[in-house]
Amino acid sequence: MSKPQPARYRTTNWSAYNAALRSRGSLLIWLDKEMAWLSPRQGRPGRPPVFSDAAIQFCLTIKVLFKLPLRQTTGMVASLLKMANLDWAVPDYTTLCRRQRRSLSRSLPACRWPLNLLVDSTGIKFLGDGEWQARKHGVQGRRQWRKVHLAMDTATSDIRAVEFTPSSDGDSPVLPELLDQIPESEEIGTVTADGAYDTRRCHTAIIDRQATPIIPIRKNGRPWKANCPAAIARNETLRATRHYGRAFWKRWTGYHARSRIEAKMRCLKIFGERIAARHPDSQTAEIQIRVALMNRFSALGTAEIIRVA
């Protein structure tokens, strides 16, 4: 029996995608002169903040984009304001460190079609006590890392939901929190995830959003008691997998599209293999900025690939 020929694909919008890739390397930065750089009076007791949240988010975006420490970030922002002929004060590095712990706003465009979500998680390191002890005293220390959970839209390649949890947390308990970040007004079509999400909690959360779970059954999976719609749908997937085989089920459901979110997780680490911040809230803010930058890159243009053979 001859070996089957590998599939061949073709990019249909190569000119536009090539231009988008060049635009991602552009150093052109626009600054709106009408931007509220200073914080308005809030009428609360105590000393009000000097700089607005938009100013802090702009500085932190420059920090993550160019992989700069906080002190170098203030210098680069000062040079950008000078080239733009804007006589604005620059936040001090201590102000950026303190304000980074606040949650940053993430604005995503509303979706007009059913969302087909790809869900997965990856680990990312941060400088903790284990690395410091190993370098200073030669002590064998454990590396410090946390988990980033992502939910990506297949149509636009945008990250629609993100969660940042300790390394000890599993994948399946975080899926309901990811789906809660999607507004109720947006319809979810399918949710594709790997076998780690084959739990009753995940299936119930997906069915409650009137979506279709595309989750492979574990090899030792057994039928569940059919006492809820989630268990009934999961048992149907189990019967189809046993009858047609796992390979056919994956091709039929389009499960292999999950490799796209694995590539997106590698893109998350382009901005650095580790997180610079130490405080958990600051680490969450840094991850949110990385996600916002990746969504901006995707908005410039993505490749449209079709199978030709």
C-alpha atoms as a PDB file:
ATOM      1  CA  MET A   1       0.000   0.000   0.000  1.00  0.00           C
ATOM      2  CA  SER A   2       1.462   3.335  -1.101  1.00  0.00           C
ATOM      3  CA  LYS A   3       1.933   6.175   1.353  1.00  0.00           C
ATOM      4  CA  PRO A   4      -0.765   8.890   1.000  1.00  0.00           C
ATOM      5  CA  GLN A   5       0.330  12.212  -0.394  1.00  0.00           C
ATOM      6  CA  PRO A   6       0.569  15.033   2.179  1.00  0.00           C
ATOM      7  CA  ALA A   7      -2.015  17.774   1.985  1.00  0.00           C
ATOM      8  CA  ARG A   8      -1.080  20.979   0.178  1.00  0.00           C
ATOM      9  CA  TYR A   9      -2.330  24.444   1.104  1.00  0.00           C
ATOM     10  CA  ARG A  10      -2.259  27.849  -0.574  1.00  0.00           C
ATOM     11  CA  THR A  11      -2.480  31.382   0.830  1.00  0.00           C
ATOM     12  CA  THR A  12      -5.113  33.317  -1.122  1.00  0.00           C
ATOM     13  CA  ASN A  13      -4.347  36.831   0.190  1.00  0.00           C
ATOM     14  CA  TRP A  14      -0.581  36.774   0.125  1.00  0.00           C
ATOM     15  CA  SER A  15      -0.199  40.417  -1.014  1.00  0.00           C
ATOM     16  CA  ALA A  16      -2.363  41.782   1.797  1.00  0.00           C
ATOM     17  CA  TYR A  17      -0.804  39.438   4.351  1.00  0.00           C
ATOM     18  CA  ASN A  18       2.698  40.423   3.243  1.00  0.00           C
ATOM     19  CA  ALA A  19       1.813  44.084   3.700  1.00  0.00           C
ATOM     20  CA  ALA A  20       0.395  43.338   7.158  1.00  0.00           C
ATOM     21  CA  LEU A  21       3.633  41.619   8.193  1.00  0.00           C
ATOM     22  CA  ARG A  22       5.607  44.693   7.128  1.00  0.00           C
ATOM     23  CA  SER A  23       3.219  46.945   9.062  1.00  0.00           C
ATOM     24  CA  ARG A  24       3.867  44.972  12.241  1.00  0.00           C
ATOM     25  CA  GLY A  25       7.469  46.189  12.159  1.00  0.00           C
ATOM     26  CA  SER A  26       6.596  49.842  11.634  1.00  0.00           C
ATOM     27  CA  LEU A  27       7.885  52.249  14.306  1.00  0.00           C
ATOM     28  CA  LEU A  28       5.200  54.828  13.545  1.00  0.00           C
ATOM     29  CA  ILE A  29       3.437  55.709  16.807  1.00  0.00           C
ATOM     30  CA  TRP A  30       0.415  58.001  16.834  1.00  0.00           C
ATOM     31  CA  LEU A  31      -0.345  60.200  19.836  1.00  0.00           C
ATOM     32  CA  ASP A  32      -3.705  61.939  20.063  1.00  0.00           C
ATOM     33  CA  LYS A  33      -3.295  65.505  21.316  1.00  0.00           C
ATOM     34  CA  GLU A  34      -6.837  65.353  22.703  1.00  0.00           C
ATOM     35  CA  MET A  35      -5.910  62.367  24.845  1.00  0.00           C
ATOM     36  CA  ALA A  36      -6.633  62.773  28.566  1.00  0.00           C
ATOM     37  CA  TRP A  37      -3.032  62.383  29.748  1.00  0.00           C
ATOM     38  CA  LEU A  38      -3.662  63.762  33.230  1.00  0.00           C
ATOM     39  CA  SER A  39      -6.245  62.229  35.528  1.00  0.00           C
ATOM     40  CA  PRO A  40      -9.418  64.292  36.017  1.00  0.00           C
ATOM     41  CA  ARG A  41     -10.685  65.248  39.435  1.00  0.00           C
ATOM     42  CA  GLN A  42     -12.712  62.395  40.916  1.00  0.00           C
ATOM     43  CA  GLY A  43     -14.126  64.175  43.973  1.00  0.00           C
ATOM     44  CA  ARG A  44     -12.866  61.493  46.357  1.00  0.00           C
ATOM     45  CA  PRO A  45     -11.017  62.112  49.610  1.00  0.00           C
ATOM     46  CA  GLY A  46      -7.264  61.781  49.507  1.00  0.00           C
ATOM     47  CA  ARG A  47      -4.651  62.713  46.963  1.00  0.00           C
ATOM     48  CA  PRO A  48      -5.915  62.076  43.422  1.00  0.00           C
ATOM     49  CA  PRO A  49      -3.717  60.308  40.841  1.00  0.00           C
ATOM     50  CA  VAL A  50      -1.704  62.587  38.578  1.00  0.00           C
ATOM     51  CA  PHE A  51      -1.811  60.511  35.381  1.00  0.00           C
ATOM     52  CA  SER A  52      -4.830  58.901  33.757  1.00  0.00           C
ATOM     53  CA  ASP A  53      -5.242  55.179  33.196  1.00  0.00           C
ATOM     54  CA  ALA A  54      -4.765  55.721  29.451  1.00  0.00           C
ATOM     55  CA  ALA A  55      -1.359  57.325  30.060  1.00  0.00           C
ATOM     56  CA  ILE A  56      -0.239  54.467  32.296  1.00  0.00           C
ATOM     57  CA  GLN A  57      -1.463  51.876  29.800  1.00  0.00           C
ATOM     58  CA  PHE A  58       0.389  53.636  26.970  1.00  0.00           C
ATOM     59  CA  CYS A  59       3.657  53.576  28.941  1.00  0.00           C
ATOM     60  CA  LEU A  60       3.227  49.921  29.893  1.00  0.00           C
ATOM     61  CA  THR A  61       2.458  49.020  26.275  1.00  0.00           C
ATOM     62  CA  ILE A  62       5.739  50.608  25.182  1.00  0.00           C
ATOM     63  CA  LYS A  63       7.474  48.651  27.947  1.00  0.00           C
ATOM     64  CA  VAL A  64       6.115  45.279  26.815  1.00  0.00           C
ATOM     65  CA  LEU A  65       6.467  45.964  23.091  1.00  0.00           C
ATOM     66  CA  PHE A  66      10.161  46.865  23.273  1.00  0.00           C
ATOM     67  CA  LYS A  67      11.004  44.623  26.279  1.00  0.00           C
ATOM     68  CA  LEU A  68      12.227  47.510  28.427  1.00  0.00           C
ATOM     69  CA  PRO A  69      12.641  47.844  32.187  1.00  0.00           C
ATOM     70  CA  LEU A  70      10.576  50.529  33.889  1.00  0.00           C
ATOM     71  CA  ARG A  71      13.338  53.142  34.048  1.00  0.00           C
ATOM     72  CA  GLN A  72      14.180  52.781  30.351  1.00  0.00           C
ATOM     73  CA  THR A  73      10.456  52.935  29.588  1.00  0.00           C
ATOM     74  CA  THR A  74      10.167  56.406  31.098  1.00  0.00           C
ATOM     75  CA  GLY A  75      13.108  57.562  28.983  1.00  0.00           C
ATOM     76  CA  MET A  76      11.639  56.225  25.760  1.00  0.00           C
ATOM     77  CA  VAL A  77       8.198  57.719  26.478  1.00  0.00           C
ATOM     78  CA  ALA A  78       9.841  61.080  27.181  1.00  0.00           C
ATOM     79  CA  SER A  79      11.612  60.942  23.813  1.00  0.00           C
ATOM     80  CA  LEU A  80       8.380  60.037  22.016  1.00  0.00           C
ATOM     81  CA  LEU A  81       6.554  62.955  23.610  1.00  0.00           C
ATOM     82  CA  LYS A  82       9.403  65.286  22.688  1.00  0.00           C
ATOM     83  CA  MET A  83       9.349  64.183  19.031  1.00  0.00           C
ATOM     84  CA  ALA A  84       5.570  64.705  19.001  1.00  0.00           C
ATOM     85  CA  ASN A  85       6.018  68.260  20.385  1.00  0.00           C
ATOM     86  CA  LEU A  86       3.872  67.431  23.411  1.00  0.00           C
ATOM     87  CA  ASP A  87       4.777  69.156  26.662  1.00  0.00           C
ATOM     88  CA  TRP A  88       3.461  66.375  28.877  1.00  0.00           C
ATOM     89  CA  ALA A  89       5.015  65.065  32.055  1.00  0.00           C
ATOM     90  CA  VAL A  90       6.214  61.460  32.085  1.00  0.00           C
ATOM     91  CA  PRO A  91       5.172  59.089  34.896  1.00  0.00           C
ATOM     92  CA  ASP A  92       7.994  58.046  37.177  1.00  0.00           C
ATOM     93  CA  TYR A  93       9.029  54.394  37.181  1.00  0.00           C
ATOM     94  CA  THR A  94       7.693  53.988  40.719  1.00  0.00           C
ATOM     95  CA  THR A  95       4.311  55.293  39.540  1.00  0.00           C
ATOM     96  CA  LEU A  96       4.277  52.792  36.677  1.00  0.00           C
ATOM     97  CA  CYS A  97       5.171  49.952  39.054  1.00  0.00           C
ATOM     98  CA  ARG A  98       2.396  50.889  41.480  1.00  0.00           C
ATOM     99  CA  ARG A  99      -0.304  51.596  38.893  1.00  0.00           C
ATOM    100  CA  GLN A 100       0.484  48.427  36.942  1.00  0.00           C
ATOM    101  CA  ARG A 101      -1.279  46.414  39.620  1.00  0.00           C
ATOM    102  CA  ARG A 102      -4.629  47.842  38.591  1.00  0.00           C
ATOM    103  CA  SER A 103      -6.681  45.963  36.027  1.00  0.00           C
ATOM    104  CA  LEU A 104      -6.322  47.360  32.515  1.00  0.00           C
ATOM    105  CA  SER A 105      -9.262  47.869  30.194  1.00  0.00           C
ATOM    106  CA  ARG A 106      -9.516  45.479  27.230  1.00  0.00           C
ATOM    107  CA  SER A 107     -11.843  46.516  24.433  1.00  0.00           C
ATOM    108  CA  LEU A 108     -12.784  43.951  21.795  1.00  0.00           C
ATOM    109  CA  PRO A 109     -15.104  44.498  18.818  1.00  0.00           C
ATOM    110  CA  ALA A 110     -18.517  42.885  19.002  1.00  0.00           C
ATOM    111  CA  CYS A 111     -18.863  39.688  16.997  1.00  0.00           C
ATOM    112  CA  ARG A 112     -21.681  39.304  14.466  1.00  0.00           C
ATOM    113  CA  TRP A 113     -21.326  35.598  13.867  1.00  0.00           C
ATOM    114  CA  PRO A 114     -21.197  32.573  16.140  1.00  0.00           C
ATOM    115  CA  LEU A 115     -17.811  32.378  17.827  1.00  0.00           C
ATOM    116  CA  ASN A 116     -15.767  29.247  17.237  1.00  0.00           C
ATOM    117  CA  LEU A 117     -13.383  29.222  20.178  1.00  0.00           C
ATOM    118  CA  LEU A 118     -10.102  27.371  20.556  1.00  0.00           C
ATOM    119  CA  VAL A 119      -9.068  26.900  24.193  1.00  0.00           C
ATOM    120  CA  ASP A 120      -5.687  25.905  25.580  1.00  0.00           C
ATOM    121  CA  SER A 121      -3.110  26.906  28.194  1.00  0.00           C
ATOM    122  CA  THR A 122       0.636  27.414  28.382  1.00  0.00           C
ATOM    123  CA  GLY A 123       3.184  28.068  31.101  1.00  0.00           C
ATOM    124  CA  ILE A 124       5.324  31.179  31.424  1.00  0.00           C
ATOM    125  CA  LYS A 125       8.183  31.804  33.839  1.00  0.00           C
ATOM    126  CA  PHE A 126       8.794  34.701  36.187  1.00  0.00           C
ATOM    127  CA  LEU A 127      11.836  35.545  38.272  1.00  0.00           C
ATOM    128  CA  GLY A 128      11.227  34.021  41.683  1.00  0.00           C
ATOM    129  CA  ASP A 129      13.166  32.975  44.776  1.00  0.00           C
ATOM    130  CA  GLY A 130      14.249  29.669  43.256  1.00  0.00           C
ATOM    131  CA  GLU A 131      16.297  31.248  40.451  1.00  0.00           C
ATOM    132  CA  TRP A 132      17.823  33.834  42.794  1.00  0.00           C
ATOM    133  CA  GLN A 133      18.958  31.222  45.314  1.00  0.00           C
ATOM    134  CA  ALA A 134      20.432  29.068  42.564  1.00  0.00           C
ATOM    135  CA  ARG A 135      22.545  31.962  41.198  1.00  0.00           C
ATOM    136  CA  LYS A 136      23.526  33.502  44.549  1.00  0.00           C
ATOM    137  CA  HIS A 137      24.171  30.481  46.732  1.00  0.00           C
ATOM    138  CA  GLY A 138      24.245  27.556  44.325  1.00  0.00           C
ATOM    139  CA  VAL A 139      21.129  26.061  45.903  1.00  0.00           C
ATOM    140  CA  GLN A 140      19.000  23.812  43.765  1.00  0.00           C
ATOM    141  CA  GLY A 141      15.781  25.818  43.509  1.00  0.00           C
ATOM    142  CA  ARG A 142      12.520  25.211  41.720  1.00  0.00           C
ATOM    143  CA  ARG A 143      11.718  27.468  38.822  1.00  0.00           C
ATOM    144  CA  GLN A 144       8.752  29.771  39.272  1.00  0.00           C
ATOM    145  CA  TRP A 145       6.069  29.771  36.583  1.00  0.00           C
ATOM    146  CA  ARG A 146       2.360  30.409  36.103  1.00  0.00           C
ATOM    147  CA  LYS A 147      -0.254  29.325  33.562  1.00  0.00           C
ATOM    148  CA  VAL A 148      -1.923  31.456  30.897  1.00  0.00           C
ATOM    149  CA  HIS A 149      -5.310  30.207  29.661  1.00  0.00           C
ATOM    150  CA  LEU A 150      -6.452  31.556  26.273  1.00  0.00           C
ATOM    151  CA  ALA A 151      -9.638  31.381  24.206  1.00  0.00           C
ATOM    152  CA  MET A 152      -9.129  32.386  20.560  1.00  0.00           C
ATOM    153  CA  ASP A 153     -11.664  33.151  17.838  1.00  0.00           C
ATOM    154  CA  THR A 154     -10.886  31.131  14.699  1.00  0.00           C
ATOM    155  CA  ALA A 155     -12.365  33.722  12.319  1.00  0.00           C
ATOM    156  CA  THR A 156     -10.309  36.745  13.406  1.00  0.00           C
ATOM    157  CA  SER A 157      -7.474  35.086  15.403  1.00  0.00           C
ATOM    158  CA  ASP A 158      -8.308  37.447  18.298  1.00  0.00           C
ATOM    159  CA  ILE A 159      -7.833  36.376  21.893  1.00  0.00           C
ATOM    160  CA  ARG A 160     -11.344  36.792  23.300  1.00  0.00           C
ATOM    161  CA  ALA A 161     -10.674  35.630  26.876  1.00  0.00           C
ATOM    162  CA  VAL A 162      -7.580  35.200  29.040  1.00  0.00           C
ATOM    163  CA  GLU A 163      -7.024  33.909  32.573  1.00  0.00           C
ATOM    164  CA  PHE A 164      -3.789  33.931  34.563  1.00  0.00           C
ATOM    165  CA  THR A 165      -3.570  31.288  37.299  1.00  0.00           C
ATOM    166  CA  PRO A 166      -0.924  29.610  39.488  1.00  0.00           C
ATOM    167  CA  SER A 167       0.867  26.598  38.057  1.00  0.00           C
ATOM    168  CA  SER A 168      -0.938  24.261  40.448  1.00  0.00           C
ATOM    169  CA  ASP A 169      -4.352  25.019  38.922  1.00  0.00           C
ATOM    170  CA  GLY A 170      -5.701  22.647  36.292  1.00  0.00           C
ATOM    171  CA  ASP A 171      -7.083  23.503  32.868  1.00  0.00           C
ATOM    172  CA  SER A 172     -10.674  22.331  33.193  1.00  0.00           C
ATOM    173  CA  PRO A 173     -11.704  24.490  36.206  1.00  0.00           C
ATOM    174  CA  VAL A 174     -10.759  27.661  34.290  1.00  0.00           C
ATOM    175  CA  LEU A 175     -12.920  27.040  31.205  1.00  0.00           C
ATOM    176  CA  PRO A 176     -16.183  28.355  32.783  1.00  0.00           C
ATOM    177  CA  GLU A 177     -14.366  31.560  33.746  1.00  0.00           C
ATOM    178  CA  LEU A 178     -13.134  31.981  30.173  1.00  0.00           C
ATOM    179  CA  LEU A 179     -16.650  31.584  28.805  1.00  0.00           C
ATOM    180  CA  ASP A 180     -17.964  34.088  31.342  1.00  0.00           C
ATOM    181  CA  GLN A 181     -15.718  36.734  29.768  1.00  0.00           C
ATOM    182  CA  ILE A 182     -17.660  36.392  26.494  1.00  0.00           C
ATOM    183  CA  PRO A 183     -20.737  38.672  26.644  1.00  0.00           C
ATOM    184  CA  GLU A 184     -24.084  36.915  26.737  1.00  0.00           C
ATOM    185  CA  SER A 185     -25.122  38.851  23.625  1.00  0.00           C
ATOM    186  CA  GLU A 186     -22.455  37.063  21.553  1.00  0.00           C
ATOM    187  CA  GLU A 187     -23.371  33.610  20.334  1.00  0.00           C
ATOM    188  CA  ILE A 188     -20.825  30.821  20.723  1.00  0.00           C
ATOM    189  CA  GLY A 189     -20.913  28.112  18.073  1.00  0.00           C
ATOM    190  CA  THR A 190     -18.225  25.601  19.065  1.00  0.00           C
ATOM    191  CA  VAL A 191     -15.573  25.256  21.769  1.00  0.00           C
ATOM    192  CA  THR A 192     -12.569  23.128  20.776  1.00  0.00           C
ATOM    193  CA  ALA A 193     -10.188  21.882  23.471  1.00  0.00           C
ATOM    194  CA  ASP A 194      -7.992  18.889  24.200  1.00  0.00           C
ATOM    195  CA  GLY A 195      -8.726  15.884  26.402  1.00  0.00           C
ATOM    196  CA  ALA A 196      -7.818  17.725  29.617  1.00  0.00           C
ATOM    197  CA  TYR A 197     -11.191  19.510  29.345  1.00  0.00           C
ATOM    198  CA  ASP A 198     -13.186  16.250  29.169  1.00  0.00           C
ATOM    199  CA  THR A 199     -14.923  16.886  32.486  1.00  0.00           C
ATOM    200  CA  ARG A 200     -18.530  17.326  33.496  1.00  0.00           C
ATOM    201  CA  ARG A 201     -17.863  20.924  34.556  1.00  0.00           C
ATOM    202  CA  CYS A 202     -16.514  21.912  31.126  1.00  0.00           C
ATOM    203  CA  HIS A 203     -19.250  20.170  29.148  1.00  0.00           C
ATOM    204  CA  THR A 204     -21.920  21.753  31.331  1.00  0.00           C
ATOM    205  CA  ALA A 205     -20.446  25.241  30.914  1.00  0.00           C
ATOM    206  CA  ILE A 206     -20.346  24.827  27.126  1.00  0.00           C
ATOM    207  CA  ILE A 207     -23.874  23.439  26.852  1.00  0.00           C
ATOM    208  CA  ASP A 208     -25.183  26.247  29.080  1.00  0.00           C
ATOM    209  CA  ARG A 209     -23.906  28.728  26.468  1.00  0.00           C
ATOM    210  CA  GLN A 210     -25.784  26.712  23.791  1.00  0.00           C
ATOM    211  CA  ALA A 211     -22.502  25.783  22.123  1.00  0.00           C
ATOM    212  CA  THR A 212     -21.143  22.512  20.766  1.00  0.00           C
ATOM    213  CA  PRO A 213     -18.131  21.010  22.567  1.00  0.00           C
ATOM    214  CA  ILE A 214     -15.414  19.514  20.366  1.00  0.00           C
ATOM    215  CA  ILE A 215     -13.415  17.694  23.023  1.00  0.00           C
ATOM    216  CA  PRO A 216     -11.863  14.255  22.412  1.00  0.00           C
ATOM    217  CA  ILE A 217     -12.789  11.574  24.901  1.00  0.00           C
ATOM    218  CA  ARG A 218      -9.941  10.235  26.964  1.00  0.00           C
ATOM    219  CA  LYS A 219      -8.717   6.762  26.073  1.00  0.00           C
ATOM    220  CA  ASN A 220     -10.028   5.367  29.338  1.00  0.00           C
ATOM    221  CA  GLY A 221     -13.252   7.381  29.146  1.00  0.00           C
ATOM    222  CA  ARG A 222     -16.495   5.686  30.078  1.00  0.00           C
ATOM    223  CA  PRO A 223     -20.127   6.701  29.513  1.00  0.00           C
ATOM    224  CA  TRP A 224     -21.591   9.143  31.992  1.00  0.00           C
ATOM    225  CA  LYS A 225     -24.957   8.841  33.645  1.00  0.00           C
ATOM    226  CA  ALA A 226     -27.336  10.593  31.220  1.00  0.00           C
ATOM    227  CA  ASN A 227     -28.934  12.900  33.776  1.00  0.00           C
ATOM    228  CA  CYS A 228     -28.220  16.227  32.033  1.00  0.00           C
ATOM    229  CA  PRO A 229     -27.825  17.581  28.466  1.00  0.00           C
ATOM    230  CA  ALA A 230     -24.052  17.820  28.881  1.00  0.00           C
ATOM    231  CA  ALA A 231     -23.741  14.117  29.724  1.00  0.00           C
ATOM    232  CA  ILE A 232     -26.007  13.146  26.812  1.00  0.00           C
ATOM    233  CA  ALA A 233     -23.900  15.144  24.319  1.00  0.00           C
ATOM    234  CA  ARG A 234     -20.694  13.718  25.736  1.00  0.00           C
ATOM    235  CA  ASN A 235     -21.990  10.127  25.473  1.00  0.00           C
ATOM    236  CA  GLU A 236     -22.876  10.729  21.815  1.00  0.00           C
ATOM    237  CA  THR A 237     -19.292  11.837  21.176  1.00  0.00           C
ATOM    238  CA  LEU A 238     -18.045   8.706  22.924  1.00  0.00           C
ATOM    239  CA  ARG A 239     -20.219   6.445  20.754  1.00  0.00           C
ATOM    240  CA  ALA A 240     -19.102   8.208  17.570  1.00  0.00           C
ATOM    241  CA  THR A 241     -15.458   7.903  18.577  1.00  0.00           C
ATOM    242  CA  ARG A 242     -15.788   4.181  19.282  1.00  0.00           C
ATOM    243  CA  HIS A 243     -17.715   3.496  16.074  1.00  0.00           C
ATOM    244  CA  TYR A 244     -15.725   5.563  13.569  1.00  0.00           C
ATOM    245  CA  GLY A 245     -12.371   5.857  15.351  1.00  0.00           C
ATOM    246  CA  ARG A 246     -10.603   8.807  16.928  1.00  0.00           C
ATOM    247  CA  ALA A 247      -8.772   9.793  13.716  1.00  0.00           C
ATOM    248  CA  PHE A 248     -11.978  10.016  11.658  1.00  0.00           C
ATOM    249  CA  TRP A 249     -13.789  11.903  14.438  1.00  0.00           C
ATOM    250  CA  LYS A 250     -11.012  14.508  14.584  1.00  0.00           C
ATOM    251  CA  ARG A 251     -11.106  15.057  10.804  1.00  0.00           C
ATOM    252  CA  TRP A 252     -14.897  15.179  10.746  1.00  0.00           C
ATOM    253  CA  THR A 253     -15.184  17.752  13.575  1.00  0.00           C
ATOM    254  CA  GLY A 254     -12.203  19.869  12.510  1.00  0.00           C
ATOM    255  CA  TYR A 255     -10.422  19.219  15.785  1.00  0.00           C
ATOM    256  CA  HIS A 256      -6.992  19.738  14.199  1.00  0.00           C
ATOM    257  CA  ALA A 257      -7.702  23.478  14.001  1.00  0.00           C
ATOM    258  CA  ARG A 258      -6.619  23.520  17.637  1.00  0.00           C
ATOM    259  CA  SER A 259      -3.023  23.755  16.401  1.00  0.00           C
ATOM    260  CA  ARG A 260      -3.719  27.430  15.630  1.00  0.00           C
ATOM    261  CA  ILE A 261      -3.995  28.339  19.292  1.00  0.00           C
ATOM    262  CA  GLU A 262      -0.771  26.442  19.989  1.00  0.00           C
ATOM    263  CA  ALA A 263       0.918  28.755  17.479  1.00  0.00           C
ATOM    264  CA  LYS A 264      -0.756  31.741  19.169  1.00  0.00           C
ATOM    265  CA  MET A 265       0.672  30.676  22.518  1.00  0.00           C
ATOM    266  CA  ARG A 266       4.145  30.701  20.985  1.00  0.00           C
ATOM    267  CA  CYS A 267       3.438  34.232  19.767  1.00  0.00           C
ATOM    268  CA  LEU A 268       2.658  35.201  23.364  1.00  0.00           C
ATOM    269  CA  LYS A 269       6.262  34.407  24.268  1.00  0.00           C
ATOM    270  CA  ILE A 270       7.712  36.529  21.469  1.00  0.00           C
ATOM    271  CA  PHE A 271       7.541  39.440  23.910  1.00  0.00           C
ATOM    272  CA  GLY A 272       9.722  37.454  26.311  1.00  0.00           C
ATOM    273  CA  GLU A 273      10.054  33.943  27.706  1.00  0.00           C
ATOM    274  CA  ARG A 274       9.458  35.232  31.216  1.00  0.00           C
ATOM    275  CA  ILE A 275       7.405  37.914  32.954  1.00  0.00           C
ATOM    276  CA  ALA A 276       9.270  40.898  34.316  1.00  0.00           C
ATOM    277  CA  ALA A 277       6.761  41.794  37.045  1.00  0.00           C
ATOM    278  CA  ARG A 278       6.854  40.196  40.498  1.00  0.00           C
ATOM    279  CA  HIS A 279       3.425  41.051  41.969  1.00  0.00           C
ATOM    280  CA  PRO A 280       0.574  38.751  40.787  1.00  0.00           C
ATOM    281  CA  ASP A 281      -1.638  41.695  39.794  1.00  0.00           C
ATOM    282  CA  SER A 282       1.221  43.264  37.835  1.00  0.00           C
ATOM    283  CA  GLN A 283       1.861  39.951  36.099  1.00  0.00           C
ATOM    284  CA  THR A 284      -1.799  39.757  35.086  1.00  0.00           C
ATOM    285  CA  ALA A 285      -1.631  43.285  33.685  1.00  0.00           C
ATOM    286  CA  GLU A 286       1.472  42.404  31.671  1.00  0.00           C
ATOM    287  CA  ILE A 287      -0.249  39.372  30.162  1.00  0.00           C
ATOM    288  CA  GLN A 288      -3.273  41.521  29.242  1.00  0.00           C
ATOM    289  CA  ILE A 289      -1.008  43.996  27.461  1.00  0.00           C
ATOM    290  CA  ARG A 290       0.612  41.170  25.517  1.00  0.00           C
ATOM    291  CA  VAL A 291      -2.816  39.934  24.467  1.00  0.00           C
ATOM    292  CA  ALA A 292      -3.850  43.440  23.376  1.00  0.00           C
ATOM    293  CA  LEU A 293      -0.703  43.732  21.245  1.00  0.00           C
ATOM    294  CA  MET A 294      -1.312  40.350  19.600  1.00  0.00           C
ATOM    295  CA  ASN A 295      -4.904  41.340  18.814  1.00  0.00           C
ATOM    296  CA  ARG A 296      -3.607  44.558  17.267  1.00  0.00           C
ATOM    297  CA  PHE A 297      -1.193  42.598  15.087  1.00  0.00           C
ATOM    298  CA  SER A 298      -4.025  40.303  13.996  1.00  0.00           C
ATOM    299  CA  ALA A 299      -6.180  43.325  13.116  1.00  0.00           C
ATOM    300  CA  LEU A 300      -3.532  44.466  10.619  1.00  0.00           C
ATOM    301  CA  GLY A 301      -4.133  41.306   8.588  1.00  0.00           C
ATOM    302  CA  THR A 302      -3.964  37.525   8.797  1.00  0.00           C
ATOM    303  CA  ALA A 303      -3.356  34.813   6.236  1.00  0.00           C
ATOM    304  CA  GLU A 304      -6.287  33.147   4.478  1.00  0.00           C
ATOM    305  CA  ILE A 305      -5.260  29.569   3.720  1.00  0.00           C
ATOM    306  CA  ILE A 306      -7.232  26.989   1.737  1.00  0.00           C
ATOM    307  CA  ARG A 307      -6.499  23.377   0.967  1.00  0.00           C
ATOM    308  CA  VAL A 308      -5.801  22.715  -2.713  1.00  0.00           C
ATOM    309  CA  ALA A 309      -4.970  18.993  -2.605  1.00  0.00           C
END
